[in-house]
Amino acid sequence: MQIITTSDGSHSVYSPQFDEAYHSSFGAMQEAEYIFINKGLLYTAKTSLQVLEIGFGTGLNAFLTSVYGCNISIHYTGIERFPLSVEEANQLNFASFFPEQKAWFSAIHQVEWGSFQQVNDNFQLCKVQADVLHIDFAKEQYDVVYFDAFSPEKQPEMWTESVFTRIFEACKPGAVFTTYCCKGYVRRLLQGVGFTVERLPGPIGKRQILRAIK
């Protein structure tokens, strides 16, 4: 594992397997807060949420969700085929940005894989080590979806009509889906399976992102 320090001081991880970093070099923290928290989690108005993340990665999105959603009852499912070890995750500096919630980041990575466990009073986490292509999702289960797989160039099998159809079916009516990728064919695939899709201005270093609503 190679740790990278991004422009906002937060860490990212470089994956030799995919020849790609997990987060933006312009700032892992600011990217995740903007795309997944501000445009996803906080876009909803519910007090109880089922959240699905495709590409659990470093656990940053889960940690930020626990912090910004601390007054919301959240059941969070993170899918990851190639998880970091607890020892690797402990080298990352995300918790230093929220010292009062520092223990939550450690707890997120200490959660055993495969079942829901309590991280704090309002946040329950289930980490699933699996290939999303082989998971059978329950119908109309999720309120929020973070799609944070490696890029279409590096992981094209993740950005397909089949995957998006299954995610659409797993979403409740009104669910919000956010991703950093704004490629035209990804937008058209999301629209084709039934989502209403909008382009939004991106975070620092990125022109646009996509948000989709069921």
N, C-alpha and C. Protein backbone atom coordinates (compact mmCIF):
# COMPACT_ATOMS: atom_id res chain seq x y z
N MET A 1 0.84 -1.20 0.00
CA MET A 1 0.00 0.00 0.00
C MET A 1 0.87 1.24 0.00
N GLN A 2 0.57 2.18 -0.87
CA GLN A 2 1.29 3.44 -0.94
C GLN A 2 0.37 4.58 -0.55
N ILE A 3 0.69 5.28 0.53
CA ILE A 3 -0.12 6.41 0.99
C ILE A 3 0.32 7.68 0.28
N ILE A 4 -0.64 8.44 -0.18
CA ILE A 4 -0.41 9.71 -0.86
C ILE A 4 -1.05 10.82 -0.03
N THR A 5 -0.36 11.95 0.10
CA THR A 5 -0.97 13.11 0.74
C THR A 5 -1.52 14.02 -0.34
N THR A 6 -2.83 14.28 -0.30
CA THR A 6 -3.48 15.09 -1.33
C THR A 6 -3.42 16.57 -0.96
N SER A 7 -3.92 17.42 -1.86
CA SER A 7 -3.71 18.86 -1.72
C SER A 7 -4.37 19.48 -0.49
N ASP A 8 -5.42 18.86 0.06
CA ASP A 8 -6.03 19.42 1.27
C ASP A 8 -5.44 18.82 2.55
N GLY A 9 -4.36 18.05 2.40
CA GLY A 9 -3.68 17.48 3.56
C GLY A 9 -4.16 16.10 3.95
N SER A 10 -5.27 15.65 3.38
CA SER A 10 -5.78 14.32 3.69
C SER A 10 -5.12 13.26 2.82
N HIS A 11 -5.12 12.05 3.33
CA HIS A 11 -4.45 10.95 2.63
C HIS A 11 -5.31 10.35 1.53
N SER A 12 -4.64 9.70 0.62
CA SER A 12 -5.27 8.77 -0.31
C SER A 12 -4.36 7.55 -0.40
N VAL A 13 -4.81 6.54 -1.12
CA VAL A 13 -4.03 5.31 -1.28
C VAL A 13 -3.91 5.03 -2.77
N TYR A 14 -2.71 4.71 -3.19
CA TYR A 14 -2.49 4.31 -4.59
C TYR A 14 -2.59 2.79 -4.70
N SER A 15 -3.37 2.32 -5.67
CA SER A 15 -3.53 0.89 -5.90
C SER A 15 -2.69 0.47 -7.10
N PRO A 16 -1.61 -0.30 -6.88
CA PRO A 16 -0.83 -0.80 -8.02
C PRO A 16 -1.66 -1.71 -8.93
N GLN A 17 -2.60 -2.43 -8.34
CA GLN A 17 -3.42 -3.36 -9.12
C GLN A 17 -4.21 -2.63 -10.20
N PHE A 18 -4.77 -1.45 -9.84
CA PHE A 18 -5.57 -0.70 -10.79
C PHE A 18 -4.84 0.53 -11.34
N ASP A 19 -3.60 0.75 -10.87
CA ASP A 19 -2.82 1.91 -11.30
C ASP A 19 -3.64 3.19 -11.15
N GLU A 20 -4.24 3.34 -9.98
CA GLU A 20 -5.11 4.49 -9.74
C GLU A 20 -5.20 4.74 -8.23
N ALA A 21 -5.34 6.01 -7.87
CA ALA A 21 -5.53 6.36 -6.46
C ALA A 21 -6.99 6.24 -6.08
N TYR A 22 -7.25 6.04 -4.79
CA TYR A 22 -8.61 5.89 -4.29
C TYR A 22 -9.36 7.22 -4.29
N HIS A 23 -8.63 8.33 -4.18
CA HIS A 23 -9.26 9.64 -4.04
C HIS A 23 -8.56 10.66 -4.92
N SER A 24 -9.18 11.82 -5.07
CA SER A 24 -8.63 12.88 -5.89
C SER A 24 -7.33 13.44 -5.30
N SER A 25 -6.37 13.70 -6.17
CA SER A 25 -5.12 14.32 -5.73
C SER A 25 -5.35 15.76 -5.28
N PHE A 26 -6.48 16.36 -5.67
CA PHE A 26 -6.81 17.73 -5.27
C PHE A 26 -7.36 17.80 -3.85
N GLY A 27 -7.59 16.64 -3.23
CA GLY A 27 -8.06 16.60 -1.85
C GLY A 27 -9.06 15.49 -1.64
N ALA A 28 -8.63 14.45 -0.97
CA ALA A 28 -9.53 13.33 -0.71
C ALA A 28 -10.72 13.77 0.15
N MET A 29 -10.45 14.53 1.18
CA MET A 29 -11.50 14.95 2.10
C MET A 29 -12.51 15.87 1.41
N GLN A 30 -12.02 16.89 0.71
CA GLN A 30 -12.96 17.82 0.09
C GLN A 30 -13.76 17.15 -1.01
N GLU A 31 -13.16 16.21 -1.72
CA GLU A 31 -13.89 15.49 -2.78
C GLU A 31 -15.03 14.66 -2.19
N ALA A 32 -14.72 13.89 -1.15
CA ALA A 32 -15.73 13.02 -0.54
C ALA A 32 -16.85 13.83 0.10
N GLU A 33 -16.48 14.90 0.82
CA GLU A 33 -17.50 15.74 1.46
C GLU A 33 -18.44 16.34 0.42
N TYR A 34 -17.90 16.80 -0.67
CA TYR A 34 -18.71 17.46 -1.69
C TYR A 34 -19.63 16.48 -2.41
N ILE A 35 -19.04 15.39 -2.94
CA ILE A 35 -19.81 14.50 -3.82
C ILE A 35 -20.79 13.63 -3.04
N PHE A 36 -20.29 13.00 -1.99
CA PHE A 36 -21.11 11.99 -1.33
C PHE A 36 -21.90 12.51 -0.13
N ILE A 37 -21.34 13.49 0.57
CA ILE A 37 -22.06 14.03 1.72
C ILE A 37 -22.99 15.17 1.28
N ASN A 38 -22.44 16.23 0.72
CA ASN A 38 -23.25 17.40 0.38
C ASN A 38 -24.27 17.12 -0.71
N LYS A 39 -23.87 16.38 -1.74
CA LYS A 39 -24.76 16.13 -2.88
C LYS A 39 -25.53 14.82 -2.76
N GLY A 40 -25.23 14.03 -1.75
CA GLY A 40 -25.91 12.76 -1.57
C GLY A 40 -26.62 12.69 -0.24
N LEU A 41 -25.87 12.43 0.82
CA LEU A 41 -26.45 12.25 2.16
C LEU A 41 -27.31 13.43 2.58
N LEU A 42 -26.77 14.65 2.48
CA LEU A 42 -27.48 15.83 2.98
C LEU A 42 -28.54 16.34 2.01
N TYR A 43 -28.61 15.75 0.83
CA TYR A 43 -29.65 16.10 -0.13
C TYR A 43 -30.98 15.49 0.27
N THR A 44 -30.91 14.43 1.06
CA THR A 44 -32.14 13.77 1.52
C THR A 44 -32.65 14.48 2.78
N ALA A 45 -33.92 14.26 3.08
CA ALA A 45 -34.52 14.93 4.23
C ALA A 45 -35.07 13.93 5.24
N LYS A 46 -34.62 12.69 5.16
CA LYS A 46 -35.13 11.65 6.06
C LYS A 46 -34.34 11.61 7.35
N THR A 47 -34.96 11.10 8.39
CA THR A 47 -34.28 10.95 9.68
C THR A 47 -33.79 9.53 9.91
N SER A 48 -34.08 8.65 8.95
CA SER A 48 -33.60 7.27 9.01
C SER A 48 -33.24 6.84 7.60
N LEU A 49 -32.02 6.35 7.41
CA LEU A 49 -31.53 6.08 6.06
C LEU A 49 -30.85 4.72 5.96
N GLN A 50 -31.06 4.09 4.82
CA GLN A 50 -30.29 2.93 4.41
C GLN A 50 -29.34 3.41 3.31
N VAL A 51 -28.04 3.31 3.58
CA VAL A 51 -27.02 3.81 2.64
C VAL A 51 -26.23 2.63 2.08
N LEU A 52 -26.00 2.65 0.77
CA LEU A 52 -25.18 1.64 0.10
C LEU A 52 -23.98 2.32 -0.53
N GLU A 53 -22.79 1.80 -0.25
CA GLU A 53 -21.59 2.29 -0.94
C GLU A 53 -20.99 1.17 -1.77
N ILE A 54 -20.79 1.46 -3.05
CA ILE A 54 -20.09 0.55 -3.95
C ILE A 54 -18.66 1.03 -4.04
N GLY A 55 -17.74 0.30 -3.41
CA GLY A 55 -16.34 0.70 -3.34
C GLY A 55 -16.01 1.30 -1.99
N PHE A 56 -16.06 0.47 -0.94
CA PHE A 56 -15.84 0.95 0.43
C PHE A 56 -14.44 1.55 0.61
N GLY A 57 -13.45 0.95 -0.04
CA GLY A 57 -12.11 1.52 -0.10
C GLY A 57 -11.47 1.81 1.24
N THR A 58 -11.13 3.07 1.47
CA THR A 58 -10.44 3.49 2.69
C THR A 58 -11.39 3.67 3.87
N GLY A 59 -12.70 3.62 3.62
CA GLY A 59 -13.66 3.88 4.68
C GLY A 59 -13.95 5.36 4.89
N LEU A 60 -13.38 6.23 4.04
CA LEU A 60 -13.58 7.67 4.22
C LEU A 60 -15.04 8.06 4.10
N ASN A 61 -15.74 7.56 3.08
CA ASN A 61 -17.14 7.93 2.90
C ASN A 61 -18.00 7.45 4.07
N ALA A 62 -17.72 6.26 4.56
CA ALA A 62 -18.46 5.75 5.72
C ALA A 62 -18.19 6.62 6.95
N PHE A 63 -16.94 7.00 7.16
CA PHE A 63 -16.58 7.83 8.31
C PHE A 63 -17.27 9.18 8.23
N LEU A 64 -17.21 9.82 7.07
CA LEU A 64 -17.85 11.13 6.92
C LEU A 64 -19.36 11.02 7.09
N THR A 65 -19.95 9.92 6.64
CA THR A 65 -21.38 9.72 6.82
C THR A 65 -21.72 9.59 8.31
N SER A 66 -20.88 8.91 9.05
CA SER A 66 -21.12 8.79 10.50
C SER A 66 -21.00 10.14 11.19
N VAL A 67 -20.10 11.00 10.70
CA VAL A 67 -19.90 12.32 11.31
C VAL A 67 -21.04 13.27 10.94
N TYR A 68 -21.30 13.42 9.64
CA TYR A 68 -22.30 14.39 9.19
C TYR A 68 -23.73 13.87 9.40
N GLY A 69 -23.88 12.58 9.54
CA GLY A 69 -25.20 12.00 9.77
C GLY A 69 -25.40 11.57 11.20
N CYS A 70 -24.70 12.20 12.13
CA CYS A 70 -24.73 11.75 13.52
C CYS A 70 -26.10 11.92 14.18
N ASN A 71 -26.95 12.76 13.59
CA ASN A 71 -28.30 12.93 14.12
C ASN A 71 -29.35 12.16 13.31
N ILE A 72 -28.88 11.31 12.41
CA ILE A 72 -29.75 10.49 11.57
C ILE A 72 -29.50 9.03 11.92
N SER A 73 -30.54 8.22 11.96
CA SER A 73 -30.37 6.79 12.14
C SER A 73 -29.95 6.17 10.80
N ILE A 74 -28.73 5.65 10.74
CA ILE A 74 -28.16 5.18 9.47
C ILE A 74 -27.76 3.71 9.57
N HIS A 75 -28.23 2.93 8.61
CA HIS A 75 -27.73 1.58 8.36
C HIS A 75 -26.92 1.65 7.07
N TYR A 76 -25.63 1.39 7.18
CA TYR A 76 -24.69 1.63 6.07
C TYR A 76 -24.10 0.30 5.61
N THR A 77 -24.25 0.00 4.33
CA THR A 77 -23.67 -1.21 3.75
C THR A 77 -22.56 -0.81 2.79
N GLY A 78 -21.35 -1.30 3.03
CA GLY A 78 -20.21 -1.01 2.17
C GLY A 78 -19.73 -2.26 1.47
N ILE A 79 -19.67 -2.23 0.13
CA ILE A 79 -19.23 -3.37 -0.67
C ILE A 79 -17.80 -3.13 -1.11
N GLU A 80 -16.93 -4.08 -0.84
CA GLU A 80 -15.52 -3.94 -1.22
C GLU A 80 -14.93 -5.31 -1.55
N ARG A 81 -14.38 -5.42 -2.73
CA ARG A 81 -13.78 -6.70 -3.16
C ARG A 81 -12.35 -6.85 -2.64
N PHE A 82 -11.64 -5.72 -2.52
CA PHE A 82 -10.22 -5.76 -2.14
C PHE A 82 -10.00 -4.87 -0.92
N PRO A 83 -10.40 -5.31 0.27
CA PRO A 83 -10.34 -4.43 1.46
C PRO A 83 -8.92 -4.19 1.96
N LEU A 84 -8.74 -3.01 2.55
CA LEU A 84 -7.52 -2.72 3.29
C LEU A 84 -7.55 -3.49 4.60
N SER A 85 -6.39 -3.76 5.14
CA SER A 85 -6.32 -4.35 6.47
C SER A 85 -6.53 -3.26 7.51
N VAL A 86 -6.85 -3.67 8.73
CA VAL A 86 -6.99 -2.70 9.82
C VAL A 86 -5.69 -1.94 10.01
N GLU A 87 -4.57 -2.62 9.90
CA GLU A 87 -3.26 -1.98 10.09
C GLU A 87 -3.02 -0.93 9.01
N GLU A 88 -3.41 -1.22 7.79
CA GLU A 88 -3.24 -0.24 6.71
C GLU A 88 -4.15 0.96 6.93
N ALA A 89 -5.40 0.71 7.29
CA ALA A 89 -6.34 1.80 7.51
C ALA A 89 -5.90 2.72 8.64
N ASN A 90 -5.27 2.15 9.65
CA ASN A 90 -4.83 2.94 10.81
C ASN A 90 -3.72 3.92 10.45
N GLN A 91 -3.10 3.77 9.29
CA GLN A 91 -2.06 4.70 8.86
C GLN A 91 -2.64 5.96 8.20
N LEU A 92 -3.92 5.94 7.90
CA LEU A 92 -4.57 7.06 7.22
C LEU A 92 -4.95 8.15 8.22
N ASN A 93 -4.96 9.40 7.78
CA ASN A 93 -5.10 10.52 8.71
C ASN A 93 -6.48 11.15 8.74
N PHE A 94 -7.49 10.48 8.19
CA PHE A 94 -8.82 11.09 8.11
C PHE A 94 -9.37 11.49 9.48
N ALA A 95 -9.14 10.66 10.48
CA ALA A 95 -9.70 10.94 11.80
C ALA A 95 -9.14 12.22 12.40
N SER A 96 -7.95 12.64 11.97
CA SER A 96 -7.36 13.86 12.53
C SER A 96 -8.15 15.11 12.17
N PHE A 97 -8.98 15.01 11.14
CA PHE A 97 -9.81 16.16 10.74
C PHE A 97 -11.04 16.30 11.63
N PHE A 98 -11.37 15.25 12.36
CA PHE A 98 -12.53 15.26 13.27
C PHE A 98 -12.10 14.60 14.58
N PRO A 99 -11.27 15.28 15.37
CA PRO A 99 -10.70 14.65 16.56
C PRO A 99 -11.73 14.14 17.56
N GLU A 100 -12.89 14.81 17.65
CA GLU A 100 -13.90 14.37 18.61
C GLU A 100 -14.53 13.04 18.20
N GLN A 101 -14.46 12.72 16.90
CA GLN A 101 -15.04 11.47 16.40
C GLN A 101 -13.95 10.49 15.96
N LYS A 102 -12.74 10.72 16.44
CA LYS A 102 -11.60 9.91 16.01
C LYS A 102 -11.85 8.42 16.21
N ALA A 103 -12.46 8.05 17.32
CA ALA A 103 -12.67 6.63 17.63
C ALA A 103 -13.60 5.96 16.62
N TRP A 104 -14.45 6.75 15.97
CA TRP A 104 -15.38 6.16 15.01
C TRP A 104 -14.65 5.59 13.80
N PHE A 105 -13.60 6.26 13.37
CA PHE A 105 -12.87 5.75 12.20
C PHE A 105 -12.22 4.41 12.52
N SER A 106 -11.61 4.31 13.69
CA SER A 106 -11.03 3.03 14.11
C SER A 106 -12.10 1.95 14.22
N ALA A 107 -13.24 2.33 14.78
CA ALA A 107 -14.33 1.36 14.95
C ALA A 107 -14.84 0.85 13.61
N ILE A 108 -14.91 1.74 12.62
CA ILE A 108 -15.36 1.36 11.29
C ILE A 108 -14.48 0.26 10.71
N HIS A 109 -13.19 0.37 10.91
CA HIS A 109 -12.27 -0.62 10.33
C HIS A 109 -12.13 -1.87 11.21
N GLN A 110 -12.57 -1.79 12.43
CA GLN A 110 -12.54 -2.96 13.30
C GLN A 110 -13.82 -3.79 13.20
N VAL A 111 -14.85 -3.23 12.57
CA VAL A 111 -16.09 -3.99 12.36
C VAL A 111 -15.79 -5.24 11.56
N GLU A 112 -16.28 -6.37 12.05
CA GLU A 112 -16.08 -7.61 11.32
C GLU A 112 -16.93 -7.61 10.05
N TRP A 113 -16.44 -8.32 9.05
CA TRP A 113 -17.11 -8.34 7.76
C TRP A 113 -18.32 -9.28 7.80
N GLY A 114 -19.43 -8.83 7.20
CA GLY A 114 -20.54 -9.74 6.95
C GLY A 114 -21.78 -9.54 7.77
N SER A 115 -21.77 -8.64 8.77
CA SER A 115 -22.98 -8.43 9.56
C SER A 115 -23.00 -7.01 10.11
N PHE A 116 -24.20 -6.50 10.40
CA PHE A 116 -24.32 -5.14 10.93
C PHE A 116 -23.80 -5.08 12.36
N GLN A 117 -22.99 -4.04 12.63
CA GLN A 117 -22.48 -3.80 13.96
C GLN A 117 -22.53 -2.31 14.25
N GLN A 118 -22.69 -1.98 15.53
CA GLN A 118 -22.85 -0.60 15.95
C GLN A 118 -21.50 0.11 15.99
N VAL A 119 -21.41 1.28 15.35
CA VAL A 119 -20.21 2.11 15.39
C VAL A 119 -20.39 3.24 16.41
N ASN A 120 -21.56 3.86 16.38
CA ASN A 120 -21.94 4.84 17.42
C ASN A 120 -23.45 4.73 17.61
N ASP A 121 -24.02 5.62 18.38
CA ASP A 121 -25.44 5.49 18.75
C ASP A 121 -26.37 5.42 17.54
N ASN A 122 -26.02 6.15 16.46
CA ASN A 122 -26.93 6.25 15.32
C ASN A 122 -26.41 5.61 14.04
N PHE A 123 -25.25 4.96 14.10
CA PHE A 123 -24.62 4.46 12.87
C PHE A 123 -24.30 2.98 13.00
N GLN A 124 -24.96 2.18 12.17
CA GLN A 124 -24.66 0.76 12.09
C GLN A 124 -24.05 0.45 10.74
N LEU A 125 -23.04 -0.41 10.74
CA LEU A 125 -22.26 -0.68 9.53
C LEU A 125 -22.20 -2.17 9.25
N CYS A 126 -22.42 -2.52 7.98
CA CYS A 126 -22.17 -3.88 7.50
C CYS A 126 -21.21 -3.79 6.33
N LYS A 127 -20.03 -4.35 6.48
CA LYS A 127 -19.05 -4.40 5.40
C LYS A 127 -19.15 -5.77 4.73
N VAL A 128 -19.21 -5.74 3.41
CA VAL A 128 -19.36 -6.97 2.64
C VAL A 128 -18.17 -7.11 1.70
N GLN A 129 -17.37 -8.15 1.90
CA GLN A 129 -16.25 -8.41 1.00
C GLN A 129 -16.74 -9.32 -0.12
N ALA A 130 -17.01 -8.70 -1.26
CA ALA A 130 -17.61 -9.45 -2.36
C ALA A 130 -17.48 -8.64 -3.65
N ASP A 131 -17.67 -9.33 -4.75
CA ASP A 131 -17.76 -8.71 -6.07
C ASP A 131 -19.20 -8.26 -6.27
N VAL A 132 -19.42 -6.98 -6.47
CA VAL A 132 -20.78 -6.47 -6.61
C VAL A 132 -21.52 -7.14 -7.75
N LEU A 133 -20.79 -7.69 -8.71
CA LEU A 133 -21.43 -8.35 -9.85
C LEU A 133 -22.16 -9.62 -9.43
N HIS A 134 -21.84 -10.12 -8.24
CA HIS A 134 -22.41 -11.38 -7.79
C HIS A 134 -23.26 -11.24 -6.52
N ILE A 135 -23.70 -10.04 -6.22
CA ILE A 135 -24.54 -9.80 -5.05
C ILE A 135 -25.99 -9.66 -5.47
N ASP A 136 -26.88 -10.33 -4.77
CA ASP A 136 -28.31 -10.17 -4.99
C ASP A 136 -28.86 -9.17 -3.98
N PHE A 137 -29.18 -7.97 -4.44
CA PHE A 137 -29.69 -6.94 -3.56
C PHE A 137 -31.20 -7.11 -3.37
N ALA A 138 -31.66 -6.78 -2.18
CA ALA A 138 -33.10 -6.75 -1.94
C ALA A 138 -33.72 -5.59 -2.72
N LYS A 139 -34.95 -5.74 -3.15
CA LYS A 139 -35.63 -4.70 -3.92
C LYS A 139 -36.01 -3.53 -3.01
N GLU A 140 -35.85 -2.33 -3.55
CA GLU A 140 -36.27 -1.08 -2.89
C GLU A 140 -35.81 -1.01 -1.44
N GLN A 141 -34.51 -1.16 -1.26
CA GLN A 141 -33.93 -1.20 0.09
C GLN A 141 -33.23 0.09 0.48
N TYR A 142 -32.60 0.79 -0.47
CA TYR A 142 -31.67 1.87 -0.13
C TYR A 142 -32.24 3.26 -0.46
N ASP A 143 -31.89 4.20 0.42
CA ASP A 143 -32.26 5.61 0.25
C ASP A 143 -31.17 6.42 -0.43
N VAL A 144 -29.92 6.03 -0.22
CA VAL A 144 -28.76 6.75 -0.73
C VAL A 144 -27.76 5.73 -1.25
N VAL A 145 -27.18 6.02 -2.42
CA VAL A 145 -26.14 5.15 -2.99
C VAL A 145 -24.93 6.00 -3.34
N TYR A 146 -23.77 5.63 -2.80
CA TYR A 146 -22.50 6.23 -3.21
C TYR A 146 -21.84 5.25 -4.18
N PHE A 147 -21.65 5.68 -5.41
CA PHE A 147 -20.98 4.81 -6.39
C PHE A 147 -19.55 5.30 -6.55
N ASP A 148 -18.63 4.58 -5.93
CA ASP A 148 -17.24 5.05 -5.82
C ASP A 148 -16.26 3.96 -6.23
N ALA A 149 -16.60 3.25 -7.31
CA ALA A 149 -15.70 2.25 -7.86
C ALA A 149 -14.51 2.94 -8.53
N PHE A 150 -13.47 2.18 -8.86
CA PHE A 150 -12.41 2.74 -9.68
C PHE A 150 -12.99 3.18 -11.02
N SER A 151 -12.25 3.99 -11.73
CA SER A 151 -12.76 4.64 -12.93
C SER A 151 -13.16 3.63 -14.01
N PRO A 152 -14.03 4.05 -14.95
CA PRO A 152 -14.42 3.16 -16.04
C PRO A 152 -13.24 2.63 -16.85
N GLU A 153 -12.18 3.42 -16.94
CA GLU A 153 -11.01 2.95 -17.68
C GLU A 153 -10.31 1.81 -16.96
N LYS A 154 -10.34 1.82 -15.63
CA LYS A 154 -9.63 0.82 -14.84
C LYS A 154 -10.52 -0.34 -14.43
N GLN A 155 -11.81 -0.12 -14.29
CA GLN A 155 -12.73 -1.15 -13.82
C GLN A 155 -14.03 -1.09 -14.64
N PRO A 156 -13.94 -1.32 -15.94
CA PRO A 156 -15.10 -1.13 -16.83
C PRO A 156 -16.28 -2.02 -16.50
N GLU A 157 -16.02 -3.19 -15.90
CA GLU A 157 -17.12 -4.11 -15.60
C GLU A 157 -18.09 -3.56 -14.56
N MET A 158 -17.65 -2.51 -13.83
CA MET A 158 -18.51 -1.92 -12.80
C MET A 158 -19.48 -0.89 -13.37
N TRP A 159 -19.17 -0.37 -14.54
CA TRP A 159 -19.93 0.75 -15.10
C TRP A 159 -20.76 0.25 -16.28
N THR A 160 -21.70 -0.64 -15.99
CA THR A 160 -22.47 -1.28 -17.04
C THR A 160 -23.96 -1.17 -16.77
N GLU A 161 -24.74 -1.41 -17.82
CA GLU A 161 -26.20 -1.41 -17.68
C GLU A 161 -26.66 -2.43 -16.66
N SER A 162 -26.02 -3.60 -16.65
CA SER A 162 -26.40 -4.66 -15.71
C SER A 162 -26.24 -4.22 -14.27
N VAL A 163 -25.10 -3.62 -13.95
CA VAL A 163 -24.85 -3.17 -12.58
C VAL A 163 -25.82 -2.06 -12.20
N PHE A 164 -26.02 -1.09 -13.08
CA PHE A 164 -26.89 0.03 -12.76
C PHE A 164 -28.36 -0.40 -12.66
N THR A 165 -28.75 -1.39 -13.44
CA THR A 165 -30.11 -1.91 -13.33
C THR A 165 -30.35 -2.51 -11.95
N ARG A 166 -29.39 -3.29 -11.47
CA ARG A 166 -29.53 -3.92 -10.17
C ARG A 166 -29.55 -2.89 -9.05
N ILE A 167 -28.74 -1.84 -9.20
CA ILE A 167 -28.74 -0.78 -8.19
C ILE A 167 -30.07 -0.02 -8.22
N PHE A 168 -30.56 0.28 -9.42
CA PHE A 168 -31.84 0.97 -9.54
C PHE A 168 -32.95 0.18 -8.85
N GLU A 169 -32.98 -1.12 -9.08
CA GLU A 169 -34.00 -1.96 -8.47
C GLU A 169 -33.85 -2.03 -6.95
N ALA A 170 -32.61 -1.88 -6.47
CA ALA A 170 -32.36 -1.92 -5.02
C ALA A 170 -32.69 -0.61 -4.33
N CYS A 171 -32.94 0.45 -5.10
CA CYS A 171 -33.23 1.77 -4.53
C CYS A 171 -34.72 1.93 -4.25
N LYS A 172 -35.01 2.60 -3.16
CA LYS A 172 -36.39 3.00 -2.88
C LYS A 172 -36.80 4.13 -3.83
N PRO A 173 -38.09 4.33 -4.07
CA PRO A 173 -38.51 5.50 -4.83
C PRO A 173 -38.01 6.79 -4.16
N GLY A 174 -37.42 7.68 -4.96
CA GLY A 174 -36.86 8.92 -4.42
C GLY A 174 -35.43 8.82 -3.96
N ALA A 175 -34.84 7.64 -4.06
CA ALA A 175 -33.45 7.46 -3.61
C ALA A 175 -32.50 8.31 -4.44
N VAL A 176 -31.40 8.72 -3.82
CA VAL A 176 -30.39 9.54 -4.49
C VAL A 176 -29.11 8.73 -4.68
N PHE A 177 -28.55 8.84 -5.87
CA PHE A 177 -27.33 8.13 -6.29
C PHE A 177 -26.32 9.19 -6.70
N THR A 178 -25.10 9.13 -6.15
CA THR A 178 -24.07 10.09 -6.54
C THR A 178 -22.80 9.37 -6.93
N THR A 179 -22.09 9.96 -7.90
CA THR A 179 -20.80 9.43 -8.32
C THR A 179 -19.93 10.56 -8.84
N TYR A 180 -18.63 10.34 -8.75
CA TYR A 180 -17.67 11.35 -9.23
C TYR A 180 -17.58 11.37 -10.75
N CYS A 181 -18.02 10.32 -11.42
CA CYS A 181 -17.85 10.17 -12.86
C CYS A 181 -18.96 10.90 -13.60
N CYS A 182 -18.60 11.69 -14.61
CA CYS A 182 -19.61 12.43 -15.36
C CYS A 182 -19.58 12.10 -16.84
N LYS A 183 -19.00 10.97 -17.22
CA LYS A 183 -18.91 10.60 -18.63
C LYS A 183 -20.31 10.47 -19.23
N GLY A 184 -20.43 10.87 -20.48
CA GLY A 184 -21.72 10.87 -21.14
C GLY A 184 -22.36 9.51 -21.21
N TYR A 185 -21.57 8.48 -21.48
CA TYR A 185 -22.18 7.16 -21.60
C TYR A 185 -22.65 6.64 -20.25
N VAL A 186 -21.99 7.04 -19.15
CA VAL A 186 -22.44 6.66 -17.81
C VAL A 186 -23.77 7.34 -17.52
N ARG A 187 -23.88 8.62 -17.85
CA ARG A 187 -25.14 9.34 -17.68
C ARG A 187 -26.26 8.68 -18.48
N ARG A 188 -25.97 8.29 -19.71
CA ARG A 188 -27.00 7.67 -20.55
C ARG A 188 -27.40 6.29 -20.02
N LEU A 189 -26.44 5.54 -19.50
CA LEU A 189 -26.77 4.24 -18.91
C LEU A 189 -27.68 4.40 -17.71
N LEU A 190 -27.37 5.36 -16.84
CA LEU A 190 -28.21 5.61 -15.67
C LEU A 190 -29.61 6.03 -16.08
N GLN A 191 -29.70 6.89 -17.08
CA GLN A 191 -31.01 7.29 -17.57
C GLN A 191 -31.75 6.10 -18.18
N GLY A 192 -31.03 5.26 -18.88
CA GLY A 192 -31.63 4.13 -19.57
C GLY A 192 -32.25 3.11 -18.63
N VAL A 193 -31.70 2.98 -17.41
CA VAL A 193 -32.25 2.00 -16.47
C VAL A 193 -33.38 2.60 -15.62
N GLY A 194 -33.60 3.92 -15.75
CA GLY A 194 -34.74 4.52 -15.07
C GLY A 194 -34.47 5.72 -14.19
N PHE A 195 -33.20 6.05 -13.92
CA PHE A 195 -32.88 7.19 -13.08
C PHE A 195 -33.14 8.51 -13.83
N THR A 196 -33.48 9.53 -13.07
CA THR A 196 -33.45 10.91 -13.57
C THR A 196 -32.10 11.49 -13.18
N VAL A 197 -31.31 11.92 -14.16
CA VAL A 197 -29.90 12.24 -13.93
C VAL A 197 -29.64 13.71 -14.19
N GLU A 198 -28.83 14.31 -13.32
CA GLU A 198 -28.41 15.69 -13.52
C GLU A 198 -26.90 15.80 -13.37
N ARG A 199 -26.33 16.67 -14.20
CA ARG A 199 -24.93 17.03 -14.03
C ARG A 199 -24.86 18.17 -13.03
N LEU A 200 -23.89 18.07 -12.10
CA LEU A 200 -23.67 19.12 -11.12
C LEU A 200 -22.24 19.61 -11.23
N PRO A 201 -21.97 20.87 -10.86
CA PRO A 201 -20.58 21.33 -10.80
C PRO A 201 -19.79 20.42 -9.86
N GLY A 202 -18.56 20.13 -10.22
CA GLY A 202 -17.74 19.23 -9.42
C GLY A 202 -16.98 19.94 -8.31
N PRO A 203 -16.30 19.15 -7.48
CA PRO A 203 -15.43 19.73 -6.45
C PRO A 203 -14.15 20.27 -7.08
N ILE A 204 -13.27 20.76 -6.26
CA ILE A 204 -11.99 21.28 -6.76
C ILE A 204 -11.30 20.20 -7.58
N GLY A 205 -10.88 20.57 -8.79
CA GLY A 205 -10.16 19.64 -9.65
C GLY A 205 -11.04 18.81 -10.56
N LYS A 206 -12.36 18.99 -10.47
CA LYS A 206 -13.27 18.20 -11.30
C LYS A 206 -14.38 19.11 -11.80
N ARG A 207 -14.62 19.08 -13.11
CA ARG A 207 -15.58 20.01 -13.70
C ARG A 207 -17.01 19.68 -13.32
N GLN A 208 -17.38 18.38 -13.43
CA GLN A 208 -18.75 17.99 -13.16
C GLN A 208 -18.81 16.63 -12.47
N ILE A 209 -19.94 16.37 -11.82
CA ILE A 209 -20.25 15.05 -11.27
C ILE A 209 -21.69 14.71 -11.67
N LEU A 210 -22.12 13.49 -11.32
CA LEU A 210 -23.49 13.09 -11.63
C LEU A 210 -24.26 12.80 -10.34
N ARG A 211 -25.51 13.23 -10.33
CA ARG A 211 -26.45 12.82 -9.30
C ARG A 211 -27.70 12.29 -9.99
N ALA A 212 -28.18 11.14 -9.51
CA ALA A 212 -29.35 10.52 -10.12
C ALA A 212 -30.38 10.25 -9.05
N ILE A 213 -31.66 10.40 -9.43
CA ILE A 213 -32.78 10.19 -8.52
C ILE A 213 -33.70 9.13 -9.11
N LYS A 214 -34.14 8.19 -8.29
CA LYS A 214 -35.08 7.20 -8.75
C LYS A 214 -36.50 7.78 -8.72
